Amino acid sequence: MMSRKVFASYLVPLIIGMIAIDLLKFGFLNQLFFMMAFFWPFTMLYPGLSEKVQQNKYRFSAMRFFFFFDSLFARFAKPESPLALQILTRGLAPIILLMIARFGSGSGNALFIFLGFALFEICHYSVQRIFKGTFLEPRTFAKADPNQMEMKDILDPEHWGDEESKSDRDEN
């Protein structure tokens, strides 16, 4: 699992940034945008989480939607892609979704979205250099189960319900 040093390398800068935003009185919404932009790529790269979210019990969860939305952009960058392309694809999903939230709320400063994401990338790059690797995985969106449904199947009412009721419908 992850070492405490590596985890602290991500968490300490985030806490310092949050305290700085709070002390400078930029407001709670800006602090929230900063934190969400930092945690989005951290969550997407966390080991084993994408496989767990693909389970059927998380079929209608917000987290599964976030992974699906992020995977739309992540397919453009492979682990062997240039670093700039990996950073760009890692940042597109949170920036787009948080910008929509920013315009929907009518307040807040979009700069904090970019600052949060930039802080994550600086931490991620530093951890990779200092610890010669990281506990965060390159993004792979392989299914955990070969029988797992795709997002398009979730929207199809034919696939709703458990497997027993599905077999009952097929018999009738």
Protein backbone atom coordinates (compact mmCIF):
# COMPACT_ATOMS: atom_id res chain seq x y z
CA MET A 1 0.00 0.00 0.00
CA MET A 2 1.07 3.60 0.14
CA SER A 3 3.76 4.78 2.50
CA ARG A 4 3.04 7.55 4.97
CA LYS A 5 5.78 9.72 3.49
CA VAL A 6 4.22 9.57 0.05
CA PHE A 7 0.74 10.26 1.40
CA ALA A 8 2.04 13.20 3.47
CA SER A 9 3.76 14.57 0.36
CA TYR A 10 0.32 15.08 -1.16
CA LEU A 11 -1.61 16.02 1.95
CA VAL A 12 0.69 18.62 3.55
CA PRO A 13 0.74 21.01 0.54
CA LEU A 14 -3.05 20.69 0.25
CA ILE A 15 -3.55 21.62 3.91
CA ILE A 16 -1.13 24.55 3.60
CA GLY A 17 -2.99 25.78 0.50
CA MET A 18 -6.36 25.46 2.24
CA ILE A 19 -5.11 27.38 5.29
CA ALA A 20 -3.66 30.12 3.05
CA ILE A 21 -6.96 30.53 1.20
CA ASP A 22 -8.81 30.66 4.51
CA LEU A 23 -6.44 33.20 6.07
CA LEU A 24 -6.59 35.43 3.01
CA LYS A 25 -10.41 35.38 3.24
CA PHE A 26 -11.05 34.26 -0.33
CA GLY A 27 -14.23 32.50 0.69
CA PHE A 28 -15.48 28.99 1.20
CA LEU A 29 -16.53 28.39 -2.42
CA ASN A 30 -13.03 29.20 -3.69
CA GLN A 31 -11.60 26.88 -1.05
CA LEU A 32 -13.98 24.15 -2.22
CA PHE A 33 -13.00 24.60 -5.88
CA PHE A 34 -9.32 24.43 -4.90
CA MET A 35 -9.82 21.26 -2.89
CA MET A 36 -11.96 19.52 -5.53
CA ALA A 37 -9.46 20.31 -8.31
CA PHE A 38 -6.70 18.82 -6.15
CA PHE A 39 -8.57 15.68 -5.12
CA TRP A 40 -10.06 14.78 -8.51
CA PRO A 41 -6.83 13.51 -10.15
CA PHE A 42 -5.69 12.07 -6.81
CA THR A 43 -8.88 10.00 -6.65
CA MET A 44 -8.74 8.95 -10.29
CA LEU A 45 -5.20 7.62 -9.85
CA TYR A 46 -5.81 5.88 -6.51
CA PRO A 47 -5.01 2.15 -6.82
CA GLY A 48 -7.97 -0.20 -7.12
CA LEU A 49 -10.66 2.46 -6.91
CA SER A 50 -11.64 2.35 -10.59
CA GLU A 51 -12.18 -1.42 -10.37
CA LYS A 52 -14.23 -1.06 -7.21
CA VAL A 53 -16.46 1.62 -8.74
CA GLN A 54 -17.15 -0.67 -11.71
CA GLN A 55 -19.00 -3.13 -9.46
CA ASN A 56 -22.76 -3.35 -9.89
CA LYS A 57 -23.54 -1.94 -6.45
CA TYR A 58 -22.02 1.39 -7.56
CA ARG A 59 -24.04 1.44 -10.78
CA PHE A 60 -25.79 4.78 -10.12
CA SER A 61 -23.21 6.44 -7.87
CA ALA A 62 -21.74 9.88 -8.48
CA MET A 63 -18.27 8.40 -8.22
CA ARG A 64 -18.96 6.09 -11.16
CA PHE A 65 -20.15 9.09 -13.17
CA PHE A 66 -16.92 10.92 -12.32
CA PHE A 67 -14.83 7.94 -13.45
CA PHE A 68 -16.87 7.67 -16.66
CA PHE A 69 -16.51 11.41 -17.37
CA ASP A 70 -12.79 11.26 -16.66
CA SER A 71 -12.33 8.18 -18.85
CA LEU A 72 -13.71 10.09 -21.84
CA PHE A 73 -10.60 12.28 -21.77
CA ALA A 74 -8.15 9.70 -20.40
CA ARG A 75 -8.45 7.53 -23.49
CA PHE A 76 -6.42 10.11 -25.41
CA ALA A 77 -3.30 9.61 -23.27
CA LYS A 78 -1.58 6.29 -22.71
CA PRO A 79 1.03 5.78 -19.96
CA GLU A 80 3.77 6.06 -22.59
CA SER A 81 2.40 9.40 -23.89
CA PRO A 82 4.36 12.63 -23.35
CA LEU A 83 4.05 14.13 -19.86
CA ALA A 84 2.30 17.27 -21.13
CA LEU A 85 -0.45 15.20 -22.78
CA GLN A 86 -0.94 13.13 -19.61
CA ILE A 87 -1.25 16.30 -17.52
CA LEU A 88 -3.66 17.86 -20.00
CA THR A 89 -5.96 14.83 -20.10
CA ARG A 90 -5.81 14.45 -16.31
CA GLY A 91 -6.92 18.06 -15.95
CA LEU A 92 -9.64 18.37 -18.58
CA ALA A 93 -12.42 16.52 -16.76
CA PRO A 94 -12.15 18.31 -13.39
CA ILE A 95 -11.65 21.70 -14.99
CA ILE A 96 -14.69 21.32 -17.27
CA LEU A 97 -16.98 19.98 -14.54
CA LEU A 98 -15.83 22.51 -11.94
CA MET A 99 -16.16 25.38 -14.42
CA ILE A 100 -19.77 24.32 -15.04
CA ALA A 101 -20.29 24.28 -11.27
CA ARG A 102 -18.63 27.69 -10.98
CA PHE A 103 -20.91 29.24 -13.61
CA GLY A 104 -23.92 27.50 -12.09
CA SER A 105 -23.17 28.89 -8.65
CA GLY A 106 -22.70 32.42 -9.96
CA SER A 107 -19.83 33.13 -7.60
CA GLY A 108 -16.32 31.96 -6.95
CA ASN A 109 -13.10 32.47 -8.84
CA ALA A 110 -12.07 29.99 -11.54
CA LEU A 111 -8.41 30.68 -10.75
CA PHE A 112 -8.68 28.42 -7.69
CA ILE A 113 -9.65 25.48 -9.90
CA PHE A 114 -6.41 25.88 -11.84
CA LEU A 115 -4.37 26.48 -8.67
CA GLY A 116 -5.69 23.28 -7.07
CA PHE A 117 -4.92 21.23 -10.14
CA ALA A 118 -1.47 22.82 -10.52
CA LEU A 119 -0.66 22.03 -6.88
CA PHE A 120 -1.60 18.39 -7.42
CA GLU A 121 0.60 18.13 -10.51
CA ILE A 122 3.54 19.71 -8.67
CA CYS A 123 3.09 17.27 -5.79
CA HIS A 124 2.67 14.31 -8.15
CA TYR A 125 5.80 15.21 -10.12
CA SER A 126 7.79 15.76 -6.91
CA VAL A 127 6.71 12.44 -5.42
CA GLN A 128 7.67 10.62 -8.60
CA ARG A 129 11.12 12.24 -8.56
CA ILE A 130 11.81 11.93 -4.82
CA PHE A 131 10.42 8.46 -4.15
CA LYS A 132 11.24 7.04 -7.61
CA GLY A 133 7.64 6.17 -8.26
CA THR A 134 4.36 6.67 -6.55
CA PHE A 135 1.54 4.67 -5.10
CA LEU A 136 -0.78 6.24 -7.67
CA GLU A 137 -1.30 4.11 -10.76
CA PRO A 138 -1.41 5.21 -14.36
CA ARG A 139 -5.05 5.36 -15.36
CA THR A 140 -6.40 2.14 -16.77
CA PHE A 141 -10.05 1.66 -17.36
CA ALA A 142 -10.19 -2.08 -17.75
CA LYS A 143 -13.30 -3.73 -16.44
CA ALA A 144 -13.00 -5.59 -13.16
CA ASP A 145 -15.44 -8.26 -14.35
CA PRO A 146 -15.89 -9.45 -17.94
CA ASN A 147 -19.66 -9.50 -17.39
CA GLN A 148 -19.63 -5.87 -16.25
CA MET A 149 -21.94 -3.45 -18.04
CA GLU A 150 -20.82 -0.42 -20.00
CA MET A 151 -22.21 3.04 -19.22
CA LYS A 152 -24.45 2.85 -22.32
CA ASP A 153 -25.95 -0.37 -20.92
CA ILE A 154 -26.76 1.32 -17.62
CA LEU A 155 -29.00 3.77 -19.43
CA ASP A 156 -30.87 0.93 -21.15
CA PRO A 157 -33.92 -0.17 -19.07
CA GLU A 158 -33.42 -3.71 -20.36
CA HIS A 159 -30.43 -4.06 -18.04
CA TRP A 160 -32.06 -2.68 -14.89
CA GLY A 161 -32.63 -4.93 -11.93
CA ASP A 162 -30.78 -7.96 -10.73
CA GLU A 163 -29.83 -11.03 -12.73
CA GLU A 164 -32.74 -13.14 -11.43
CA SER A 165 -35.40 -10.75 -12.66
CA LYS A 166 -33.56 -10.53 -15.98
CA SER A 167 -33.69 -14.29 -16.41
CA ASP A 168 -37.40 -14.26 -15.47
CA ARG A 169 -38.08 -11.73 -18.25
CA ASP A 170 -36.20 -13.87 -20.75
CA GLU A 171 -38.27 -16.95 -19.89
CA ASN A 172 -41.58 -15.10 -20.42
